[in-house]
């Protein structure tokens, strides 16, 4: 696994702290030290959160809410596999 940059380490820690509610982009902007009142900064934070989703390090179960993925033992059969689940 790649070593995460300090920004991504902070986002992962914030996702852990957010628990089941998930981390939103506005809170992520605050974690990154950005102006959370700026729409462009919030969208930049959302883009930063999408990258760990692509790597499987975070999950976006609800639009805009980022959480740690469930361990494989807790996922529904077929979840996360092409052609499986539905």
C-alpha atoms as a PDB file:
ATOM      1  CA  UNK A   1       0.000   0.000   0.000  1.00  0.00           C
ATOM      2  CA  UNK A   2       1.192   3.510  -0.751  1.00  0.00           C
ATOM      3  CA  UNK A   3       2.111   5.881   2.038  1.00  0.00           C
ATOM      4  CA  UNK A   4      -0.593   8.529   2.403  1.00  0.00           C
ATOM      5  CA  UNK A   5       0.228  12.234   2.324  1.00  0.00           C
ATOM      6  CA  UNK A   6      -0.449  14.236   5.507  1.00  0.00           C
ATOM      7  CA  UNK A   7      -3.667  15.644   3.953  1.00  0.00           C
ATOM      8  CA  UNK A   8      -5.030  12.164   3.234  1.00  0.00           C
ATOM      9  CA  UNK A   9      -3.941  10.921   6.656  1.00  0.00           C
ATOM     10  CA  UNK A  10      -5.936  13.796   8.200  1.00  0.00           C
ATOM     11  CA  UNK A  11      -8.975  12.979   6.035  1.00  0.00           C
ATOM     12  CA  UNK A  12      -8.826   9.294   6.981  1.00  0.00           C
ATOM     13  CA  UNK A  13      -8.601  10.200  10.685  1.00  0.00           C
ATOM     14  CA  UNK A  14     -11.561  12.569  10.301  1.00  0.00           C
ATOM     15  CA  UNK A  15     -13.559   9.797   8.594  1.00  0.00           C
ATOM     16  CA  UNK A  16     -12.829   7.528  11.564  1.00  0.00           C
ATOM     17  CA  UNK A  17     -13.947  10.268  13.978  1.00  0.00           C
ATOM     18  CA  UNK A  18     -17.138  10.856  11.949  1.00  0.00           C
ATOM     19  CA  UNK A  19     -18.159   7.226  12.431  1.00  0.00           C
ATOM     20  CA  UNK A  20     -21.310   5.962  10.758  1.00  0.00           C
ATOM     21  CA  UNK A  21     -22.547   9.460   9.915  1.00  0.00           C
ATOM     22  CA  UNK A  22     -19.673   9.882   7.494  1.00  0.00           C
ATOM     23  CA  UNK A  23     -17.411  12.787   6.698  1.00  0.00           C
ATOM     24  CA  UNK A  24     -18.871  15.565   4.572  1.00  0.00           C
ATOM     25  CA  UNK A  25     -16.961  17.815   2.195  1.00  0.00           C
ATOM     26  CA  UNK A  26     -17.484  20.946   4.305  1.00  0.00           C
ATOM     27  CA  UNK A  27     -15.935  19.249   7.360  1.00  0.00           C
ATOM     28  CA  UNK A  28     -13.164  17.854   5.159  1.00  0.00           C
ATOM     29  CA  UNK A  29     -12.339  21.403   4.034  1.00  0.00           C
ATOM     30  CA  UNK A  30     -11.985  22.414   7.697  1.00  0.00           C
ATOM     31  CA  UNK A  31      -9.744  19.390   8.353  1.00  0.00           C
ATOM     32  CA  UNK A  32      -7.544  20.462   5.441  1.00  0.00           C
ATOM     33  CA  UNK A  33      -7.330  23.997   6.836  1.00  0.00           C
ATOM     34  CA  UNK A  34      -9.336  25.460   3.977  1.00  0.00           C
ATOM     35  CA  UNK A  35     -12.128  28.062   4.058  1.00  0.00           C
ATOM     36  CA  UNK A  36     -15.297  25.992   4.429  1.00  0.00           C
ATOM     37  CA  UNK A  37     -17.425  28.992   3.407  1.00  0.00           C
ATOM     38  CA  UNK A  38     -15.875  28.924  -0.067  1.00  0.00           C
ATOM     39  CA  UNK A  39     -17.844  26.727  -2.464  1.00  0.00           C
ATOM     40  CA  UNK A  40     -14.734  26.061  -4.560  1.00  0.00           C
ATOM     41  CA  UNK A  41     -12.797  24.888  -1.495  1.00  0.00           C
ATOM     42  CA  UNK A  42     -15.639  22.593  -0.424  1.00  0.00           C
ATOM     43  CA  UNK A  43     -15.770  21.119  -3.942  1.00  0.00           C
ATOM     44  CA  UNK A  44     -11.988  20.685  -3.840  1.00  0.00           C
ATOM     45  CA  UNK A  45     -12.339  18.804  -0.573  1.00  0.00           C
ATOM     46  CA  UNK A  46     -15.062  16.622  -2.120  1.00  0.00           C
ATOM     47  CA  UNK A  47     -12.691  15.806  -4.996  1.00  0.00           C
ATOM     48  CA  UNK A  48      -9.991  14.885  -2.476  1.00  0.00           C
ATOM     49  CA  UNK A  49     -12.440  12.515  -0.765  1.00  0.00           C
ATOM     50  CA  UNK A  50     -13.319  10.804  -4.055  1.00  0.00           C
ATOM     51  CA  UNK A  51      -9.739   9.633  -4.635  1.00  0.00           C
ATOM     52  CA  UNK A  52      -9.581   7.353  -1.564  1.00  0.00           C
ATOM     53  CA  UNK A  53     -12.996   5.975  -2.592  1.00  0.00           C
ATOM     54  CA  UNK A  54     -11.466   4.936  -5.928  1.00  0.00           C
ATOM     55  CA  UNK A  55      -8.671   3.168  -4.016  1.00  0.00           C
ATOM     56  CA  UNK A  56     -11.120   1.407  -1.682  1.00  0.00           C
ATOM     57  CA  UNK A  57      -9.816   3.239   1.410  1.00  0.00           C
ATOM     58  CA  UNK A  58     -13.109   5.128   1.912  1.00  0.00           C
ATOM     59  CA  UNK A  59     -16.688   4.367   0.921  1.00  0.00           C
ATOM     60  CA  UNK A  60     -19.440   6.751  -0.207  1.00  0.00           C
ATOM     61  CA  UNK A  61     -22.639   4.913   0.721  1.00  0.00           C
ATOM     62  CA  UNK A  62     -24.726   8.084   0.738  1.00  0.00           C
ATOM     63  CA  UNK A  63     -23.953  10.891  -1.709  1.00  0.00           C
ATOM     64  CA  UNK A  64     -21.483  13.268  -0.105  1.00  0.00           C
ATOM     65  CA  UNK A  65     -20.931  11.167   3.063  1.00  0.00           C
ATOM     66  CA  UNK A  66     -17.595   9.373   3.254  1.00  0.00           C
ATOM     67  CA  UNK A  67     -16.920   6.553   5.713  1.00  0.00           C
ATOM     68  CA  UNK A  68     -14.451   3.762   6.191  1.00  0.00           C
ATOM     69  CA  UNK A  69     -15.453   0.735   4.111  1.00  0.00           C
ATOM     70  CA  UNK A  70     -16.936  -2.237   5.892  1.00  0.00           C
ATOM     71  CA  UNK A  71     -14.598  -5.186   6.397  1.00  0.00           C
ATOM     72  CA  UNK A  72     -15.207  -7.924   3.815  1.00  0.00           C
ATOM     73  CA  UNK A  73     -16.772 -10.119   6.496  1.00  0.00           C
ATOM     74  CA  UNK A  74     -19.519  -7.497   7.071  1.00  0.00           C
ATOM     75  CA  UNK A  75     -20.314  -6.713   3.429  1.00  0.00           C
ATOM     76  CA  UNK A  76     -23.318  -8.149   1.661  1.00  0.00           C
ATOM     77  CA  UNK A  77     -22.561 -11.077  -0.628  1.00  0.00           C
ATOM     78  CA  UNK A  78     -21.517  -9.758  -4.019  1.00  0.00           C
ATOM     79  CA  UNK A  79     -20.972  -6.202  -2.782  1.00  0.00           C
ATOM     80  CA  UNK A  80     -18.135  -4.433  -4.509  1.00  0.00           C
ATOM     81  CA  UNK A  81     -17.702  -7.097  -7.180  1.00  0.00           C
ATOM     82  CA  UNK A  82     -18.660  -6.518 -10.819  1.00  0.00           C
ATOM     83  CA  UNK A  83     -21.878  -8.282 -11.655  1.00  0.00           C
ATOM     84  CA  UNK A  84     -22.598  -9.247  -8.049  1.00  0.00           C
ATOM     85  CA  UNK A  85     -25.029  -8.067  -5.451  1.00  0.00           C
ATOM     86  CA  UNK A  86     -28.113  -7.025  -7.409  1.00  0.00           C
END
